[in-house]
Amino acid sequence: MAEKSFTEALKDLQNAAAEIGRQATTLEDSLRLFDEGMKEAEYCRKILESAEQKIQLYENGELKDAQL
């Protein structure tokens, strides 16, 4: 997956979910969209985990403002 922002990945995930919900979507397309959505969800999870770790380090005084 190309490097993208959290917002872009979340939007792609939301678009995949909306497309799967359409009645006109074929099973094959739904499965492809589901797979893409799972990849986007994992990408978002990793970004959020990284941000959470940085916040915890900052709160514990292990990171300075310049290191964020």
PDB file of N, CA and C in Angstrom:
ATOM      1  N   MET A   1       0.848  -1.171   0.000  1.00  0.00           N
ATOM      2  CA  MET A   1       0.000   0.000   0.000  1.00  0.00           C
ATOM      3  C   MET A   1       0.895   1.235   0.000  1.00  0.00           C
ATOM      4  N   ALA A   2       0.562   2.171  -0.822  1.00  0.00           N
ATOM      5  CA  ALA A   2       1.321   3.417  -0.887  1.00  0.00           C
ATOM      6  C   ALA A   2       1.138   4.197   0.410  1.00  0.00           C
ATOM      7  N   GLU A   3       2.165   4.956   0.766  1.00  0.00           N
ATOM      8  CA  GLU A   3       2.101   5.762   1.989  1.00  0.00           C
ATOM      9  C   GLU A   3       0.987   6.801   1.843  1.00  0.00           C
ATOM     10  N   LYS A   4       0.088   6.814   2.813  1.00  0.00           N
ATOM     11  CA  LYS A   4      -1.010   7.781   2.796  1.00  0.00           C
ATOM     12  C   LYS A   4      -1.302   8.213   4.209  1.00  0.00           C
ATOM     13  N   SER A   5      -2.058   9.254   4.338  1.00  0.00           N
ATOM     14  CA  SER A   5      -2.397   9.757   5.662  1.00  0.00           C
ATOM     15  C   SER A   5      -3.482   8.884   6.292  1.00  0.00           C
ATOM     16  N   PHE A   6      -3.624   9.033   7.595  1.00  0.00           N
ATOM     17  CA  PHE A   6      -4.683   8.319   8.313  1.00  0.00           C
ATOM     18  C   PHE A   6      -6.042   8.694   7.734  1.00  0.00           C
ATOM     19  N   THR A   7      -6.238   9.980   7.471  1.00  0.00           N
ATOM     20  CA  THR A   7      -7.518  10.462   6.947  1.00  0.00           C
ATOM     21  C   THR A   7      -7.834   9.842   5.592  1.00  0.00           C
ATOM     22  N   GLU A   8      -6.840   9.744   4.726  1.00  0.00           N
ATOM     23  CA  GLU A   8      -7.047   9.127   3.412  1.00  0.00           C
ATOM     24  C   GLU A   8      -7.396   7.647   3.553  1.00  0.00           C
ATOM     25  N   ALA A   9      -6.675   6.945   4.419  1.00  0.00           N
ATOM     26  CA  ALA A   9      -6.936   5.521   4.619  1.00  0.00           C
ATOM     27  C   ALA A   9      -8.323   5.295   5.207  1.00  0.00           C
ATOM     28  N   LEU A  10      -8.710   6.130   6.165  1.00  0.00           N
ATOM     29  CA  LEU A  10     -10.032   6.005   6.768  1.00  0.00           C
ATOM     30  C   LEU A  10     -11.132   6.271   5.739  1.00  0.00           C
ATOM     31  N   LYS A  11     -10.919   7.256   4.895  1.00  0.00           N
ATOM     32  CA  LYS A  11     -11.908   7.554   3.846  1.00  0.00           C
ATOM     33  C   LYS A  11     -12.029   6.368   2.883  1.00  0.00           C
ATOM     34  N   ASP A  12     -10.895   5.760   2.505  1.00  0.00           N
ATOM     35  CA  ASP A  12     -10.934   4.589   1.623  1.00  0.00           C
ATOM     36  C   ASP A  12     -11.678   3.437   2.285  1.00  0.00           C
ATOM     37  N   LEU A  13     -11.469   3.261   3.585  1.00  0.00           N
ATOM     38  CA  LEU A  13     -12.160   2.220   4.329  1.00  0.00           C
ATOM     39  C   LEU A  13     -13.667   2.478   4.342  1.00  0.00           C
ATOM     40  N   GLN A  14     -14.057   3.719   4.591  1.00  0.00           N
ATOM     41  CA  GLN A  14     -15.477   4.073   4.592  1.00  0.00           C
ATOM     42  C   GLN A  14     -16.098   3.879   3.210  1.00  0.00           C
ATOM     43  N   ASN A  15     -15.375   4.235   2.167  1.00  0.00           N
ATOM     44  CA  ASN A  15     -15.875   4.052   0.806  1.00  0.00           C
ATOM     45  C   ASN A  15     -16.067   2.576   0.475  1.00  0.00           C
ATOM     46  N   ALA A  16     -15.109   1.739   0.902  1.00  0.00           N
ATOM     47  CA  ALA A  16     -15.225   0.294   0.653  1.00  0.00           C
ATOM     48  C   ALA A  16     -16.449  -0.260   1.368  1.00  0.00           C
ATOM     49  N   ALA A  17     -16.660   0.148   2.616  1.00  0.00           N
ATOM     50  CA  ALA A  17     -17.817  -0.329   3.381  1.00  0.00           C
ATOM     51  C   ALA A  17     -19.128   0.103   2.724  1.00  0.00           C
ATOM     52  N   ALA A  18     -19.176   1.332   2.249  1.00  0.00           N
ATOM     53  CA  ALA A  18     -20.393   1.826   1.597  1.00  0.00           C
ATOM     54  C   ALA A  18     -20.652   1.063   0.302  1.00  0.00           C
ATOM     55  N   GLU A  19     -19.600   0.798  -0.439  1.00  0.00           N
ATOM     56  CA  GLU A  19     -19.745   0.092  -1.716  1.00  0.00           C
ATOM     57  C   GLU A  19     -20.213  -1.346  -1.492  1.00  0.00           C
ATOM     58  N   ILE A  20     -19.702  -1.992  -0.449  1.00  0.00           N
ATOM     59  CA  ILE A  20     -20.132  -3.359  -0.143  1.00  0.00           C
ATOM     60  C   ILE A  20     -21.626  -3.381   0.177  1.00  0.00           C
ATOM     61  N   GLY A  21     -22.108  -2.339   0.822  1.00  0.00           N
ATOM     62  CA  GLY A  21     -23.514  -2.267   1.213  1.00  0.00           C
ATOM     63  C   GLY A  21     -24.479  -2.053   0.056  1.00  0.00           C
ATOM     64  N   ARG A  22     -23.956  -1.675  -1.087  1.00  0.00           N
ATOM     65  CA  ARG A  22     -24.836  -1.483  -2.254  1.00  0.00           C
ATOM     66  C   ARG A  22     -25.327  -2.825  -2.771  1.00  0.00           C
ATOM     67  N   GLN A  23     -26.565  -2.907  -3.124  1.00  0.00           N
ATOM     68  CA  GLN A  23     -27.135  -4.165  -3.622  1.00  0.00           C
ATOM     69  C   GLN A  23     -26.581  -4.556  -4.985  1.00  0.00           C
ATOM     70  N   ALA A  24     -26.133  -3.600  -5.769  1.00  0.00           N
ATOM     71  CA  ALA A  24     -25.653  -3.880  -7.111  1.00  0.00           C
ATOM     72  C   ALA A  24     -24.235  -4.446  -7.128  1.00  0.00           C
ATOM     73  N   THR A  25     -23.581  -4.503  -5.987  1.00  0.00           N
ATOM     74  CA  THR A  25     -22.214  -5.000  -5.923  1.00  0.00           C
ATOM     75  C   THR A  25     -22.212  -6.521  -6.028  1.00  0.00           C
ATOM     76  N   THR A  26     -21.347  -7.047  -6.898  1.00  0.00           N
ATOM     77  CA  THR A  26     -21.254  -8.495  -7.044  1.00  0.00           C
ATOM     78  C   THR A  26     -20.509  -9.099  -5.852  1.00  0.00           C
ATOM     79  N   LEU A  27     -20.643 -10.385  -5.688  1.00  0.00           N
ATOM     80  CA  LEU A  27     -19.950 -11.078  -4.611  1.00  0.00           C
ATOM     81  C   LEU A  27     -18.440 -10.913  -4.759  1.00  0.00           C
ATOM     82  N   GLU A  28     -17.951 -11.052  -5.969  1.00  0.00           N
ATOM     83  CA  GLU A  28     -16.515 -10.918  -6.209  1.00  0.00           C
ATOM     84  C   GLU A  28     -16.018  -9.522  -5.839  1.00  0.00           C
ATOM     85  N   ASP A  29     -16.772  -8.514  -6.241  1.00  0.00           N
ATOM     86  CA  ASP A  29     -16.398  -7.138  -5.898  1.00  0.00           C
ATOM     87  C   ASP A  29     -16.477  -6.908  -4.389  1.00  0.00           C
ATOM     88  N   SER A  30     -17.499  -7.478  -3.763  1.00  0.00           N
ATOM     89  CA  SER A  30     -17.643  -7.332  -2.320  1.00  0.00           C
ATOM     90  C   SER A  30     -16.458  -7.953  -1.596  1.00  0.00           C
ATOM     91  N   LEU A  31     -16.018  -9.124  -2.035  1.00  0.00           N
ATOM     92  CA  LEU A  31     -14.866  -9.778  -1.412  1.00  0.00           C
ATOM     93  C   LEU A  31     -13.581  -8.973  -1.619  1.00  0.00           C
ATOM     94  N   ARG A  32     -13.425  -8.420  -2.806  1.00  0.00           N
ATOM     95  CA  ARG A  32     -12.251  -7.594  -3.096  1.00  0.00           C
ATOM     96  C   ARG A  32     -12.267  -6.340  -2.228  1.00  0.00           C
ATOM     97  N   LEU A  33     -13.424  -5.701  -2.142  1.00  0.00           N
ATOM     98  CA  LEU A  33     -13.558  -4.506  -1.317  1.00  0.00           C
ATOM     99  C   LEU A  33     -13.344  -4.818   0.165  1.00  0.00           C
ATOM    100  N   PHE A  34     -13.825  -5.974   0.603  1.00  0.00           N
ATOM    101  CA  PHE A  34     -13.618  -6.385   1.991  1.00  0.00           C
ATOM    102  C   PHE A  34     -12.126  -6.539   2.276  1.00  0.00           C
ATOM    103  N   ASP A  35     -11.419  -7.191   1.364  1.00  0.00           N
ATOM    104  CA  ASP A  35      -9.977  -7.382   1.530  1.00  0.00           C
ATOM    105  C   ASP A  35      -9.257  -6.034   1.577  1.00  0.00           C
ATOM    106  N   GLU A  36      -9.616  -5.136   0.673  1.00  0.00           N
ATOM    107  CA  GLU A  36      -9.014  -3.797   0.657  1.00  0.00           C
ATOM    108  C   GLU A  36      -9.343  -3.047   1.956  1.00  0.00           C
ATOM    109  N   GLY A  37     -10.571  -3.177   2.405  1.00  0.00           N
ATOM    110  CA  GLY A  37     -10.988  -2.519   3.640  1.00  0.00           C
ATOM    111  C   GLY A  37     -10.227  -3.038   4.854  1.00  0.00           C
ATOM    112  N   MET A  38      -9.979  -4.340   4.892  1.00  0.00           N
ATOM    113  CA  MET A  38      -9.222  -4.918   5.999  1.00  0.00           C
ATOM    114  C   MET A  38      -7.788  -4.394   6.003  1.00  0.00           C
ATOM    115  N   LYS A  39      -7.214  -4.227   4.832  1.00  0.00           N
ATOM    116  CA  LYS A  39      -5.857  -3.670   4.743  1.00  0.00           C
ATOM    117  C   LYS A  39      -5.836  -2.214   5.214  1.00  0.00           C
ATOM    118  N   GLU A  40      -6.848  -1.460   4.823  1.00  0.00           N
ATOM    119  CA  GLU A  40      -6.937  -0.060   5.256  1.00  0.00           C
ATOM    120  C   GLU A  40      -7.132   0.015   6.771  1.00  0.00           C
ATOM    121  N   ALA A  41      -7.970  -0.873   7.318  1.00  0.00           N
ATOM    122  CA  ALA A  41      -8.213  -0.888   8.766  1.00  0.00           C
ATOM    123  C   ALA A  41      -6.924  -1.204   9.527  1.00  0.00           C
ATOM    124  N   GLU A  42      -6.146  -2.143   9.032  1.00  0.00           N
ATOM    125  CA  GLU A  42      -4.879  -2.495   9.668  1.00  0.00           C
ATOM    126  C   GLU A  42      -3.897  -1.326   9.599  1.00  0.00           C
ATOM    127  N   TYR A  43      -3.864  -0.650   8.470  1.00  0.00           N
ATOM    128  CA  TYR A  43      -2.997   0.521   8.299  1.00  0.00           C
ATOM    129  C   TYR A  43      -3.388   1.615   9.302  1.00  0.00           C
ATOM    130  N   CYS A  44      -4.676   1.873   9.433  1.00  0.00           N
ATOM    131  CA  CYS A  44      -5.165   2.872  10.390  1.00  0.00           C
ATOM    132  C   CYS A  44      -4.829   2.467  11.826  1.00  0.00           C
ATOM    133  N   ARG A  45      -4.985   1.186  12.132  1.00  0.00           N
ATOM    134  CA  ARG A  45      -4.678   0.689  13.478  1.00  0.00           C
ATOM    135  C   ARG A  45      -3.214   0.930  13.826  1.00  0.00           C
ATOM    136  N   LYS A  46      -2.326   0.679  12.876  1.00  0.00           N
ATOM    137  CA  LYS A  46      -0.900   0.881  13.116  1.00  0.00           C
ATOM    138  C   LYS A  46      -0.579   2.359  13.358  1.00  0.00           C
ATOM    139  N   ILE A  47      -1.204   3.229  12.590  1.00  0.00           N
ATOM    140  CA  ILE A  47      -0.988   4.666  12.782  1.00  0.00           C
ATOM    141  C   ILE A  47      -1.464   5.092  14.165  1.00  0.00           C
ATOM    142  N   LEU A  48      -2.642   4.617  14.571  1.00  0.00           N
ATOM    143  CA  LEU A  48      -3.182   4.974  15.878  1.00  0.00           C
ATOM    144  C   LEU A  48      -2.326   4.421  17.013  1.00  0.00           C
ATOM    145  N   GLU A  49      -1.835   3.203  16.865  1.00  0.00           N
ATOM    146  CA  GLU A  49      -0.969   2.618  17.892  1.00  0.00           C
ATOM    147  C   GLU A  49       0.322   3.423  18.034  1.00  0.00           C
ATOM    148  N   SER A  50       0.891   3.828  16.915  1.00  0.00           N
ATOM    149  CA  SER A  50       2.115   4.627  16.945  1.00  0.00           C
ATOM    150  C   SER A  50       1.871   5.959  17.645  1.00  0.00           C
ATOM    151  N   ALA A  51       0.757   6.586  17.335  1.00  0.00           N
ATOM    152  CA  ALA A  51       0.421   7.863  17.966  1.00  0.00           C
ATOM    153  C   ALA A  51       0.213   7.673  19.472  1.00  0.00           C
ATOM    154  N   GLU A  52      -0.458   6.599  19.849  1.00  0.00           N
ATOM    155  CA  GLU A  52      -0.701   6.326  21.265  1.00  0.00           C
ATOM    156  C   GLU A  52       0.622   6.112  22.011  1.00  0.00           C
ATOM    157  N   GLN A  53       1.544   5.393  21.405  1.00  0.00           N
ATOM    158  CA  GLN A  53       2.851   5.166  22.028  1.00  0.00           C
ATOM    159  C   GLN A  53       3.598   6.480  22.226  1.00  0.00           C
ATOM    160  N   LYS A  54       3.551   7.352  21.223  1.00  0.00           N
ATOM    161  CA  LYS A  54       4.222   8.646  21.342  1.00  0.00           C
ATOM    162  C   LYS A  54       3.603   9.487  22.459  1.00  0.00           C
ATOM    163  N   ILE A  55       2.285   9.444  22.566  1.00  0.00           N
ATOM    164  CA  ILE A  55       1.597  10.199  23.618  1.00  0.00           C
ATOM    165  C   ILE A  55       2.011   9.677  24.989  1.00  0.00           C
ATOM    166  N   GLN A  56       2.058   8.353  25.136  1.00  0.00           N
ATOM    167  CA  GLN A  56       2.460   7.776  26.413  1.00  0.00           C
ATOM    168  C   GLN A  56       3.897   8.159  26.770  1.00  0.00           C
ATOM    169  N   LEU A  57       4.800   8.123  25.799  1.00  0.00           N
ATOM    170  CA  LEU A  57       6.187   8.517  26.045  1.00  0.00           C
ATOM    171  C   LEU A  57       6.266   9.989  26.437  1.00  0.00           C
ATOM    172  N   TYR A  58       5.486  10.806  25.760  1.00  0.00           N
ATOM    173  CA  TYR A  58       5.466  12.238  26.055  1.00  0.00           C
ATOM    174  C   TYR A  58       4.934  12.487  27.469  1.00  0.00           C
ATOM    175  N   GLU A  59       3.847  11.812  27.810  1.00  0.00           N
ATOM    176  CA  GLU A  59       3.260  11.978  29.141  1.00  0.00           C
ATOM    177  C   GLU A  59       4.211  11.504  30.242  1.00  0.00           C
ATOM    178  N   ASN A  60       5.011  10.504  29.946  1.00  0.00           N
ATOM    179  CA  ASN A  60       5.972   9.974  30.913  1.00  0.00           C
ATOM    180  C   ASN A  60       7.269  10.784  30.944  1.00  0.00           C
ATOM    181  N   GLY A  61       7.345  11.831  30.124  1.00  0.00           N
ATOM    182  CA  GLY A  61       8.529  12.672  30.097  1.00  0.00           C
ATOM    183  C   GLY A  61       9.687  12.089  29.318  1.00  0.00           C
ATOM    184  N   GLU A  62       9.444  11.029  28.565  1.00  0.00           N
ATOM    185  CA  GLU A  62      10.498  10.389  27.799  1.00  0.00           C
ATOM    186  C   GLU A  62      10.700  11.028  26.424  1.00  0.00           C
ATOM    187  N   LEU A  63       9.770  11.850  26.004  1.00  0.00           N
ATOM    188  CA  LEU A  63       9.856  12.565  24.730  1.00  0.00           C
ATOM    189  C   LEU A  63       9.711  14.042  24.974  1.00  0.00           C
ATOM    190  N   LYS A  64      10.433  14.825  24.220  1.00  0.00           N
ATOM    191  CA  LYS A  64      10.315  16.284  24.262  1.00  0.00           C
ATOM    192  C   LYS A  64       9.429  16.725  23.098  1.00  0.00           C
ATOM    193  N   ASP A  65       8.918  17.939  23.147  1.00  0.00           N
ATOM    194  CA  ASP A  65       8.061  18.464  22.082  1.00  0.00           C
ATOM    195  C   ASP A  65       8.705  18.325  20.708  1.00  0.00           C
ATOM    196  N   ALA A  66       9.992  18.572  20.619  1.00  0.00           N
ATOM    197  CA  ALA A  66      10.695  18.527  19.330  1.00  0.00           C
ATOM    198  C   ALA A  66      10.747  17.119  18.751  1.00  0.00           C
ATOM    199  N   GLN A  67      10.571  16.096  19.573  1.00  0.00           N
ATOM    200  CA  GLN A  67      10.642  14.715  19.105  1.00  0.00           C
ATOM    201  C   GLN A  67       9.307  14.182  18.602  1.00  0.00           C
ATOM    202  N   LEU A  68       8.237  14.910  18.844  1.00  0.00           N
ATOM    203  CA  LEU A  68       6.927  14.476  18.372  1.00  0.00           C
ATOM    204  C   LEU A  68       6.870  14.669  16.894  1.00  0.00           C
TER     205      LEU A  68
END
